[in-house]
Amino acid sequence: MAKTVSTCLWFADDAEAAARFYVSLVPGSSLGPILRAPGPWPGGAPGAAILVAFTLGGQSFQALNGGVPAQYGTAASIAVSCADQADVDLLWDALTAEGGAEIQCGWLRDRWGVPWQIVPEALPRLLADPDPAVAARVFAAMQTMVKLDVAALEAAAATP
């Protein structure tokens, strides 16, 4: 049985910068050991980071410098549950800066192309409302949004 499980993200040569950036954004995160190249290698110079271990909100990740850019699809993403709109805004703005891209329904790509879902804690609560009409209104409102808006989701839930 595996001793540990972590998600490995492929970068051309920015693994360390990406890991440092990510841990600066998410509370409960930390940078772990960095495996550095002992000599020249196809991905960079001696001393360059090869593999960077880090945690985001207690979840284990690795960032790998593979020497060539990775193409990320949307079949997998980093999903972050945010306490409130201020947290959503903070993460959204930081992750879409410097070449990141907004997608829809709380999805974005950061400057390295890594897909993220930035989800306020209110969304699953509102979608699980016992009244199917409330859940349907919230779901319909969410589908019109790029960055999720807690006040608009709550208004959709409250307005018959």
N, C-alpha and C. Protein backbone atom coordinates (compact mmCIF):
# COMPACT_ATOMS: atom_id res chain seq x y z
N MET A 1 0.85 -1.18 0.00
CA MET A 1 0.00 0.00 0.00
C MET A 1 0.89 1.24 0.00
N ALA A 2 0.44 2.25 -0.68
CA ALA A 2 1.20 3.50 -0.77
C ALA A 2 1.33 4.14 0.61
N LYS A 3 2.50 4.68 0.88
CA LYS A 3 2.74 5.36 2.15
C LYS A 3 2.10 6.75 2.15
N THR A 4 2.26 7.47 1.05
CA THR A 4 1.65 8.79 0.92
C THR A 4 1.11 8.96 -0.49
N VAL A 5 0.19 9.87 -0.62
CA VAL A 5 -0.39 10.19 -1.92
C VAL A 5 -0.32 11.69 -2.08
N SER A 6 0.14 12.13 -3.25
CA SER A 6 0.16 13.57 -3.52
C SER A 6 -0.11 13.80 -5.00
N THR A 7 -0.59 14.97 -5.30
CA THR A 7 -0.82 15.38 -6.68
C THR A 7 0.47 16.01 -7.19
N CYS A 8 0.91 15.59 -8.38
CA CYS A 8 2.13 16.13 -8.98
C CYS A 8 1.74 17.04 -10.15
N LEU A 9 2.21 18.28 -10.11
CA LEU A 9 1.95 19.25 -11.16
C LEU A 9 3.23 19.47 -11.97
N TRP A 10 3.13 19.42 -13.28
CA TRP A 10 4.27 19.55 -14.19
C TRP A 10 4.43 21.00 -14.62
N PHE A 11 5.63 21.50 -14.53
CA PHE A 11 5.98 22.84 -15.00
C PHE A 11 7.19 22.73 -15.91
N ALA A 12 7.36 23.69 -16.80
CA ALA A 12 8.55 23.70 -17.65
C ALA A 12 9.78 23.94 -16.78
N ASP A 13 9.80 25.07 -16.08
CA ASP A 13 10.96 25.39 -15.24
C ASP A 13 10.60 26.30 -14.07
N ASP A 14 9.32 26.44 -13.79
CA ASP A 14 8.86 27.35 -12.73
C ASP A 14 8.28 26.62 -11.51
N ALA A 15 8.63 25.37 -11.30
CA ALA A 15 8.02 24.60 -10.22
C ALA A 15 8.21 25.27 -8.86
N GLU A 16 9.41 25.72 -8.58
CA GLU A 16 9.66 26.33 -7.28
C GLU A 16 8.89 27.64 -7.13
N ALA A 17 8.90 28.47 -8.15
CA ALA A 17 8.17 29.74 -8.10
C ALA A 17 6.67 29.49 -7.93
N ALA A 18 6.14 28.52 -8.65
CA ALA A 18 4.71 28.20 -8.54
C ALA A 18 4.38 27.71 -7.13
N ALA A 19 5.17 26.79 -6.61
CA ALA A 19 4.91 26.26 -5.26
C ALA A 19 4.97 27.37 -4.22
N ARG A 20 5.97 28.23 -4.32
CA ARG A 20 6.08 29.35 -3.36
C ARG A 20 4.86 30.28 -3.47
N PHE A 21 4.43 30.54 -4.70
CA PHE A 21 3.26 31.39 -4.91
C PHE A 21 2.01 30.74 -4.31
N TYR A 22 1.78 29.48 -4.62
CA TYR A 22 0.59 28.79 -4.12
C TYR A 22 0.53 28.79 -2.59
N VAL A 23 1.65 28.44 -1.93
CA VAL A 23 1.61 28.37 -0.46
C VAL A 23 1.42 29.75 0.17
N SER A 24 1.77 30.80 -0.56
CA SER A 24 1.55 32.15 -0.03
C SER A 24 0.08 32.54 -0.04
N LEU A 25 -0.73 31.83 -0.81
CA LEU A 25 -2.14 32.19 -0.98
C LEU A 25 -3.10 31.43 -0.09
N VAL A 26 -2.79 30.20 0.25
CA VAL A 26 -3.75 29.33 0.93
C VAL A 26 -3.32 29.09 2.38
N PRO A 27 -4.14 29.51 3.34
CA PRO A 27 -3.81 29.25 4.75
C PRO A 27 -3.62 27.76 5.00
N GLY A 28 -2.77 27.44 5.96
CA GLY A 28 -2.51 26.04 6.28
C GLY A 28 -1.62 25.36 5.25
N SER A 29 -0.84 26.15 4.52
CA SER A 29 0.02 25.62 3.46
C SER A 29 1.49 25.79 3.85
N SER A 30 2.34 24.95 3.26
CA SER A 30 3.77 25.07 3.56
C SER A 30 4.60 24.49 2.42
N LEU A 31 5.80 25.00 2.32
CA LEU A 31 6.77 24.50 1.36
C LEU A 31 7.52 23.36 2.04
N GLY A 32 7.74 22.27 1.32
CA GLY A 32 8.47 21.14 1.86
C GLY A 32 9.85 21.04 1.24
N PRO A 33 10.42 19.84 1.25
CA PRO A 33 11.75 19.66 0.69
C PRO A 33 11.79 19.98 -0.81
N ILE A 34 12.93 20.49 -1.24
CA ILE A 34 13.16 20.78 -2.65
C ILE A 34 14.32 19.92 -3.11
N LEU A 35 14.06 19.05 -4.08
CA LEU A 35 15.10 18.22 -4.66
C LEU A 35 15.76 19.02 -5.77
N ARG A 36 17.05 19.25 -5.67
CA ARG A 36 17.78 20.06 -6.65
C ARG A 36 18.70 19.19 -7.49
N ALA A 37 18.89 19.59 -8.73
CA ALA A 37 19.73 18.85 -9.67
C ALA A 37 21.19 18.88 -9.20
N PRO A 38 21.82 17.72 -9.08
CA PRO A 38 23.22 17.69 -8.67
C PRO A 38 24.18 18.07 -9.81
N GLY A 39 23.68 18.07 -11.01
CA GLY A 39 24.51 18.41 -12.17
C GLY A 39 23.63 18.85 -13.32
N PRO A 40 24.21 19.11 -14.49
CA PRO A 40 23.39 19.52 -15.64
C PRO A 40 22.37 18.44 -15.98
N TRP A 41 21.23 18.88 -16.46
CA TRP A 41 20.17 17.95 -16.86
C TRP A 41 19.33 18.64 -17.91
N PRO A 42 18.52 17.88 -18.65
CA PRO A 42 17.75 18.48 -19.75
C PRO A 42 16.81 19.59 -19.30
N GLY A 43 16.39 19.59 -18.03
CA GLY A 43 15.45 20.59 -17.55
C GLY A 43 16.10 21.84 -16.99
N GLY A 44 17.44 21.88 -16.89
CA GLY A 44 18.05 23.08 -16.33
C GLY A 44 19.48 22.88 -15.87
N ALA A 45 19.93 23.83 -15.12
CA ALA A 45 21.32 23.88 -14.65
C ALA A 45 21.47 23.15 -13.31
N PRO A 46 22.70 22.87 -12.93
CA PRO A 46 22.93 22.30 -11.60
C PRO A 46 22.35 23.23 -10.53
N GLY A 47 21.74 22.64 -9.53
CA GLY A 47 21.14 23.42 -8.45
C GLY A 47 19.70 23.83 -8.70
N ALA A 48 19.24 23.68 -9.92
CA ALA A 48 17.85 24.03 -10.23
C ALA A 48 16.91 23.03 -9.56
N ALA A 49 15.75 23.50 -9.18
CA ALA A 49 14.76 22.62 -8.56
C ALA A 49 14.28 21.59 -9.58
N ILE A 50 14.24 20.35 -9.16
CA ILE A 50 13.66 19.28 -9.98
C ILE A 50 12.26 18.98 -9.46
N LEU A 51 12.15 18.80 -8.15
CA LEU A 51 10.88 18.43 -7.52
C LEU A 51 10.72 19.23 -6.23
N VAL A 52 9.57 19.88 -6.11
CA VAL A 52 9.29 20.71 -4.93
C VAL A 52 8.05 20.13 -4.24
N ALA A 53 8.21 19.74 -2.99
CA ALA A 53 7.08 19.25 -2.21
C ALA A 53 6.43 20.44 -1.49
N PHE A 54 5.09 20.43 -1.44
CA PHE A 54 4.38 21.48 -0.72
C PHE A 54 3.00 20.98 -0.34
N THR A 55 2.40 21.67 0.61
CA THR A 55 1.02 21.37 0.98
C THR A 55 0.18 22.62 0.77
N LEU A 56 -1.05 22.40 0.35
CA LEU A 56 -2.04 23.47 0.22
C LEU A 56 -3.21 23.09 1.10
N GLY A 57 -3.45 23.88 2.12
CA GLY A 57 -4.56 23.58 3.02
C GLY A 57 -4.50 22.17 3.57
N GLY A 58 -3.30 21.67 3.81
CA GLY A 58 -3.12 20.33 4.36
C GLY A 58 -3.04 19.21 3.33
N GLN A 59 -3.27 19.50 2.05
CA GLN A 59 -3.20 18.49 0.99
C GLN A 59 -1.80 18.47 0.38
N SER A 60 -1.27 17.28 0.12
CA SER A 60 0.08 17.14 -0.41
C SER A 60 0.13 17.32 -1.92
N PHE A 61 1.13 18.09 -2.35
CA PHE A 61 1.39 18.31 -3.77
C PHE A 61 2.88 18.21 -4.03
N GLN A 62 3.21 18.01 -5.30
CA GLN A 62 4.58 18.11 -5.78
C GLN A 62 4.55 18.96 -7.04
N ALA A 63 5.58 19.77 -7.21
CA ALA A 63 5.74 20.54 -8.44
C ALA A 63 7.02 20.03 -9.10
N LEU A 64 6.91 19.61 -10.34
CA LEU A 64 8.01 19.00 -11.08
C LEU A 64 8.43 19.89 -12.24
N ASN A 65 9.71 20.16 -12.35
CA ASN A 65 10.23 20.85 -13.53
C ASN A 65 10.54 19.80 -14.59
N GLY A 66 9.73 19.77 -15.64
CA GLY A 66 9.89 18.78 -16.68
C GLY A 66 10.65 19.26 -17.91
N GLY A 67 10.99 20.55 -17.95
CA GLY A 67 11.77 21.08 -19.07
C GLY A 67 10.95 21.56 -20.25
N VAL A 68 9.75 21.08 -20.40
CA VAL A 68 8.86 21.54 -21.48
C VAL A 68 7.52 21.89 -20.85
N PRO A 69 6.80 22.85 -21.43
CA PRO A 69 5.50 23.24 -20.84
C PRO A 69 4.50 22.09 -20.85
N ALA A 70 3.69 22.04 -19.81
CA ALA A 70 2.61 21.06 -19.73
C ALA A 70 1.34 21.67 -20.28
N GLN A 71 0.48 20.84 -20.79
CA GLN A 71 -0.84 21.27 -21.24
C GLN A 71 -1.87 20.66 -20.29
N TYR A 72 -2.45 21.49 -19.46
CA TYR A 72 -3.44 21.01 -18.50
C TYR A 72 -4.83 21.05 -19.12
N GLY A 73 -5.60 20.00 -18.88
CA GLY A 73 -7.01 19.99 -19.27
C GLY A 73 -7.84 20.39 -18.06
N THR A 74 -9.15 20.35 -18.23
CA THR A 74 -10.03 20.70 -17.11
C THR A 74 -10.60 19.47 -16.41
N ALA A 75 -10.13 18.30 -16.78
CA ALA A 75 -10.63 17.09 -16.14
C ALA A 75 -10.17 17.00 -14.68
N ALA A 76 -9.12 17.71 -14.34
CA ALA A 76 -8.65 17.77 -12.96
C ALA A 76 -8.33 19.22 -12.64
N SER A 77 -8.57 19.60 -11.40
CA SER A 77 -8.31 20.98 -10.99
C SER A 77 -8.01 20.99 -9.50
N ILE A 78 -7.48 22.12 -9.05
CA ILE A 78 -7.31 22.34 -7.62
C ILE A 78 -8.55 23.10 -7.16
N ALA A 79 -9.32 22.50 -6.27
CA ALA A 79 -10.56 23.11 -5.79
C ALA A 79 -10.31 23.67 -4.39
N VAL A 80 -10.66 24.93 -4.20
CA VAL A 80 -10.48 25.59 -2.91
C VAL A 80 -11.83 26.07 -2.41
N SER A 81 -12.17 25.67 -1.20
CA SER A 81 -13.39 26.13 -0.54
C SER A 81 -13.06 27.39 0.25
N CYS A 82 -13.77 28.47 -0.06
CA CYS A 82 -13.50 29.78 0.56
C CYS A 82 -14.59 30.14 1.55
N ALA A 83 -14.20 30.70 2.68
CA ALA A 83 -15.15 31.04 3.74
C ALA A 83 -16.15 32.09 3.31
N ASP A 84 -15.70 33.07 2.52
CA ASP A 84 -16.58 34.18 2.17
C ASP A 84 -16.13 34.83 0.87
N GLN A 85 -16.84 35.89 0.48
CA GLN A 85 -16.53 36.57 -0.78
C GLN A 85 -15.14 37.20 -0.76
N ALA A 86 -14.71 37.69 0.40
CA ALA A 86 -13.37 38.28 0.49
C ALA A 86 -12.31 37.25 0.14
N ASP A 87 -12.47 36.02 0.62
CA ASP A 87 -11.52 34.95 0.29
C ASP A 87 -11.58 34.60 -1.19
N VAL A 88 -12.79 34.52 -1.73
CA VAL A 88 -12.96 34.25 -3.17
C VAL A 88 -12.22 35.32 -3.97
N ASP A 89 -12.47 36.58 -3.64
CA ASP A 89 -11.87 37.69 -4.38
C ASP A 89 -10.35 37.67 -4.28
N LEU A 90 -9.82 37.42 -3.09
CA LEU A 90 -8.37 37.40 -2.89
C LEU A 90 -7.71 36.33 -3.77
N LEU A 91 -8.23 35.11 -3.69
CA LEU A 91 -7.65 34.03 -4.50
C LEU A 91 -7.86 34.27 -5.98
N TRP A 92 -9.05 34.67 -6.36
CA TRP A 92 -9.37 34.89 -7.77
C TRP A 92 -8.43 35.92 -8.38
N ASP A 93 -8.29 37.04 -7.69
CA ASP A 93 -7.44 38.12 -8.22
C ASP A 93 -5.98 37.68 -8.32
N ALA A 94 -5.49 36.99 -7.31
CA ALA A 94 -4.09 36.55 -7.33
C ALA A 94 -3.84 35.51 -8.41
N LEU A 95 -4.75 34.56 -8.55
CA LEU A 95 -4.54 33.47 -9.51
C LEU A 95 -4.77 33.88 -10.96
N THR A 96 -5.60 34.88 -11.19
CA THR A 96 -5.81 35.31 -12.58
C THR A 96 -4.83 36.41 -13.00
N ALA A 97 -4.04 36.92 -12.08
CA ALA A 97 -3.07 37.97 -12.41
C ALA A 97 -1.93 37.39 -13.26
N GLU A 98 -1.26 38.26 -13.95
CA GLU A 98 -0.05 37.92 -14.71
C GLU A 98 -0.25 36.78 -15.70
N GLY A 99 -1.34 36.82 -16.43
CA GLY A 99 -1.56 35.82 -17.47
C GLY A 99 -2.54 34.73 -17.15
N GLY A 100 -3.11 34.74 -15.95
CA GLY A 100 -4.15 33.78 -15.64
C GLY A 100 -5.40 34.10 -16.46
N ALA A 101 -6.36 33.18 -16.47
CA ALA A 101 -7.57 33.40 -17.28
C ALA A 101 -8.80 32.93 -16.52
N GLU A 102 -9.84 33.75 -16.59
CA GLU A 102 -11.13 33.38 -16.02
C GLU A 102 -11.81 32.40 -16.97
N ILE A 103 -12.53 31.43 -16.42
CA ILE A 103 -13.26 30.48 -17.26
C ILE A 103 -14.75 30.72 -17.00
N GLN A 104 -15.38 29.93 -16.17
CA GLN A 104 -16.79 30.12 -15.84
C GLN A 104 -17.12 29.29 -14.62
N CYS A 105 -18.20 29.67 -13.93
CA CYS A 105 -18.73 28.93 -12.79
C CYS A 105 -17.68 28.70 -11.70
N GLY A 106 -16.82 29.71 -11.47
CA GLY A 106 -15.82 29.59 -10.43
C GLY A 106 -14.52 28.96 -10.87
N TRP A 107 -14.39 28.66 -12.15
CA TRP A 107 -13.16 28.05 -12.67
C TRP A 107 -12.25 29.12 -13.24
N LEU A 108 -10.94 28.88 -13.12
CA LEU A 108 -9.94 29.75 -13.72
C LEU A 108 -8.69 28.93 -14.03
N ARG A 109 -7.80 29.54 -14.79
CA ARG A 109 -6.46 28.98 -15.01
C ARG A 109 -5.47 30.01 -14.49
N ASP A 110 -4.47 29.55 -13.76
CA ASP A 110 -3.46 30.48 -13.28
C ASP A 110 -2.43 30.75 -14.38
N ARG A 111 -1.42 31.54 -14.09
CA ARG A 111 -0.43 31.93 -15.09
C ARG A 111 0.34 30.76 -15.67
N TRP A 112 0.34 29.61 -14.99
CA TRP A 112 1.01 28.42 -15.50
C TRP A 112 0.04 27.49 -16.23
N GLY A 113 -1.21 27.87 -16.30
CA GLY A 113 -2.21 27.06 -16.98
C GLY A 113 -2.89 26.04 -16.10
N VAL A 114 -2.56 26.01 -14.81
CA VAL A 114 -3.17 25.05 -13.89
C VAL A 114 -4.62 25.47 -13.62
N PRO A 115 -5.58 24.55 -13.81
CA PRO A 115 -6.99 24.88 -13.54
C PRO A 115 -7.31 24.84 -12.04
N TRP A 116 -8.11 25.80 -11.62
CA TRP A 116 -8.55 25.92 -10.23
C TRP A 116 -10.06 26.12 -10.22
N GLN A 117 -10.68 25.68 -9.13
CA GLN A 117 -12.07 26.01 -8.82
C GLN A 117 -12.06 26.79 -7.51
N ILE A 118 -12.58 28.00 -7.53
CA ILE A 118 -12.63 28.83 -6.34
C ILE A 118 -14.10 28.91 -5.92
N VAL A 119 -14.44 28.20 -4.85
CA VAL A 119 -15.85 27.97 -4.50
C VAL A 119 -16.15 28.49 -3.09
N PRO A 120 -17.09 29.41 -2.97
CA PRO A 120 -17.48 29.85 -1.63
C PRO A 120 -18.21 28.73 -0.89
N GLU A 121 -17.98 28.64 0.41
CA GLU A 121 -18.65 27.61 1.23
C GLU A 121 -20.16 27.69 1.11
N ALA A 122 -20.68 28.85 0.78
CA ALA A 122 -22.13 29.02 0.66
C ALA A 122 -22.71 28.20 -0.49
N LEU A 123 -21.96 27.99 -1.55
CA LEU A 123 -22.53 27.33 -2.73
C LEU A 123 -23.04 25.92 -2.45
N PRO A 124 -22.24 25.00 -1.92
CA PRO A 124 -22.80 23.66 -1.68
C PRO A 124 -23.96 23.67 -0.69
N ARG A 125 -23.90 24.57 0.30
CA ARG A 125 -25.01 24.68 1.26
C ARG A 125 -26.29 25.10 0.55
N LEU A 126 -26.19 26.11 -0.32
CA LEU A 126 -27.38 26.60 -1.03
C LEU A 126 -27.88 25.57 -2.04
N LEU A 127 -26.97 24.87 -2.71
CA LEU A 127 -27.39 23.85 -3.68
C LEU A 127 -28.03 22.64 -3.00
N ALA A 128 -27.73 22.45 -1.72
CA ALA A 128 -28.31 21.32 -0.97
C ALA A 128 -29.59 21.71 -0.24
N ASP A 129 -30.13 22.88 -0.53
CA ASP A 129 -31.37 23.31 0.13
C ASP A 129 -32.45 22.25 -0.07
N PRO A 130 -33.22 21.94 0.98
CA PRO A 130 -34.26 20.92 0.84
C PRO A 130 -35.36 21.31 -0.14
N ASP A 131 -35.50 22.60 -0.42
CA ASP A 131 -36.49 23.05 -1.40
C ASP A 131 -35.85 23.00 -2.78
N PRO A 132 -36.30 22.11 -3.66
CA PRO A 132 -35.69 21.99 -4.99
C PRO A 132 -35.75 23.28 -5.80
N ALA A 133 -36.75 24.12 -5.55
CA ALA A 133 -36.85 25.39 -6.28
C ALA A 133 -35.72 26.33 -5.89
N VAL A 134 -35.36 26.33 -4.62
CA VAL A 134 -34.24 27.17 -4.16
C VAL A 134 -32.95 26.69 -4.81
N ALA A 135 -32.70 25.39 -4.74
CA ALA A 135 -31.49 24.83 -5.34
C ALA A 135 -31.43 25.12 -6.83
N ALA A 136 -32.56 25.03 -7.51
CA ALA A 136 -32.60 25.30 -8.96
C ALA A 136 -32.27 26.75 -9.26
N ARG A 137 -32.79 27.67 -8.45
CA ARG A 137 -32.49 29.10 -8.67
C ARG A 137 -31.01 29.39 -8.44
N VAL A 138 -30.45 28.80 -7.41
CA VAL A 138 -29.03 28.99 -7.12
C VAL A 138 -28.18 28.41 -8.25
N PHE A 139 -28.55 27.23 -8.71
CA PHE A 139 -27.81 26.58 -9.80
C PHE A 139 -27.88 27.42 -11.08
N ALA A 140 -29.05 27.95 -11.38
CA ALA A 140 -29.21 28.79 -12.57
C ALA A 140 -28.38 30.06 -12.45
N ALA A 141 -28.37 30.67 -11.27
CA ALA A 141 -27.57 31.88 -11.06
C ALA A 141 -26.08 31.58 -11.21
N MET A 142 -25.63 30.46 -10.64
CA MET A 142 -24.23 30.08 -10.73
C MET A 142 -23.79 29.94 -12.18
N GLN A 143 -24.65 29.39 -13.01
CA GLN A 143 -24.29 29.15 -14.41
C GLN A 143 -24.09 30.44 -15.21
N THR A 144 -24.56 31.56 -14.69
CA THR A 144 -24.36 32.84 -15.39
C THR A 144 -23.09 33.54 -14.94
N MET A 145 -22.42 33.01 -13.94
CA MET A 145 -21.27 33.68 -13.33
C MET A 145 -19.95 33.17 -13.87
N VAL A 146 -18.96 34.02 -13.82
CA VAL A 146 -17.58 33.62 -14.06
C VAL A 146 -16.97 33.42 -12.67
N LYS A 147 -16.64 34.51 -11.97
CA LYS A 147 -16.25 34.41 -10.56
C LYS A 147 -17.54 34.31 -9.76
N LEU A 148 -17.60 33.37 -8.82
CA LEU A 148 -18.82 33.19 -8.04
C LEU A 148 -19.02 34.35 -7.07
N ASP A 149 -20.27 34.78 -6.97
CA ASP A 149 -20.67 35.94 -6.17
C ASP A 149 -21.62 35.47 -5.08
N VAL A 150 -21.14 35.46 -3.85
CA VAL A 150 -21.92 34.93 -2.73
C VAL A 150 -23.23 35.69 -2.55
N ALA A 151 -23.19 37.01 -2.61
CA ALA A 151 -24.42 37.80 -2.42
C ALA A 151 -25.45 37.47 -3.49
N ALA A 152 -25.01 37.33 -4.73
CA ALA A 152 -25.94 37.01 -5.82
C ALA A 152 -26.49 35.59 -5.67
N LEU A 153 -25.68 34.66 -5.20
CA LEU A 153 -26.16 33.29 -4.97
C LEU A 153 -27.20 33.28 -3.85
N GLU A 154 -26.92 34.00 -2.77
CA GLU A 154 -27.86 34.07 -1.65
C GLU A 154 -29.14 34.79 -2.06
N ALA A 155 -29.02 35.81 -2.90
CA ALA A 155 -30.22 36.52 -3.39
C ALA A 155 -31.07 35.59 -4.25
N ALA A 156 -30.42 34.77 -5.07
CA ALA A 156 -31.16 33.81 -5.90
C ALA A 156 -31.90 32.81 -5.02
N ALA A 157 -31.27 32.40 -3.94
CA ALA A 157 -31.91 31.45 -3.02
C ALA A 157 -33.12 32.09 -2.33
N ALA A 158 -33.02 33.37 -2.01
CA ALA A 158 -34.06 34.04 -1.24
C ALA A 158 -35.21 34.58 -2.09
N THR A 159 -35.00 34.70 -3.39
CA THR A 159 -36.00 35.32 -4.26
C THR A 159 -36.78 34.27 -5.03
N PRO A 160 -38.06 34.06 -4.66
CA PRO A 160 -38.87 33.06 -5.40
C PRO A 160 -39.18 33.50 -6.82
